[in-house]
Protein backbone atom coordinates (compact mmCIF):
# COMPACT_ATOMS: atom_id res chain seq x y z
CA UNK A 1 56.54 11.85 12.21
CA UNK A 2 54.17 13.99 10.20
CA UNK A 3 50.56 14.92 10.99
CA UNK A 4 48.39 16.05 8.09
CA UNK A 5 44.82 17.37 8.52
CA UNK A 6 42.89 17.99 5.30
CA UNK A 7 46.17 18.23 3.39
CA UNK A 8 47.76 20.74 5.79
CA UNK A 9 50.82 19.64 7.77
CA UNK A 10 50.42 20.32 11.49
CA UNK A 11 53.70 21.08 13.28
CA UNK A 12 54.40 18.87 16.30
CA UNK A 13 56.75 19.60 19.16
CA UNK A 14 59.06 16.82 20.42
CA UNK A 15 56.81 15.93 23.36
CA UNK A 16 53.66 15.44 21.25
CA UNK A 17 55.65 13.57 18.60
CA UNK A 18 57.01 11.13 21.20
CA UNK A 19 53.55 10.60 22.75
CA UNK A 20 51.81 9.94 19.41
CA UNK A 21 54.61 7.73 18.11
CA UNK A 22 54.68 5.72 21.33
CA UNK A 23 50.94 5.09 21.24
CA UNK A 24 50.95 4.01 17.60
CA UNK A 25 54.06 1.83 17.82
CA UNK A 26 52.90 0.26 21.08
CA UNK A 27 49.53 -0.63 19.62
CA UNK A 28 50.89 -1.94 16.33
CA UNK A 29 53.58 -4.06 17.99
CA UNK A 30 50.90 -5.98 19.91
CA UNK A 31 49.10 -7.05 16.72
CA UNK A 32 49.56 -10.58 15.39
CA UNK A 33 51.33 -10.85 12.06
CA UNK A 34 53.42 -7.67 12.42
CA UNK A 35 57.10 -8.31 11.76
CA UNK A 36 59.57 -6.92 14.29
CA UNK A 37 61.63 -5.27 11.55
CA UNK A 38 58.84 -3.07 10.12
CA UNK A 39 60.01 0.18 8.50
CA UNK A 40 56.98 2.49 8.25
CA UNK A 41 53.48 2.73 9.71
CA UNK A 42 50.80 4.73 7.90
CA UNK A 43 47.40 5.52 9.41
CA UNK A 44 44.54 7.28 7.64
CA UNK A 45 41.54 8.41 9.66
CA UNK A 46 38.37 9.80 8.07
CA UNK A 47 35.20 11.04 9.67
């Protein structure tokens, strides 16, 4: 997992990485049309 903010990579410890990954994967897996054998999830957030 990699977190980038304005082009700067933010280091994540194992705990935060597991929490973020679990939230994203859990949410994506509940969506219709998502194959079970997906390889990569990319999210871009702008404000």
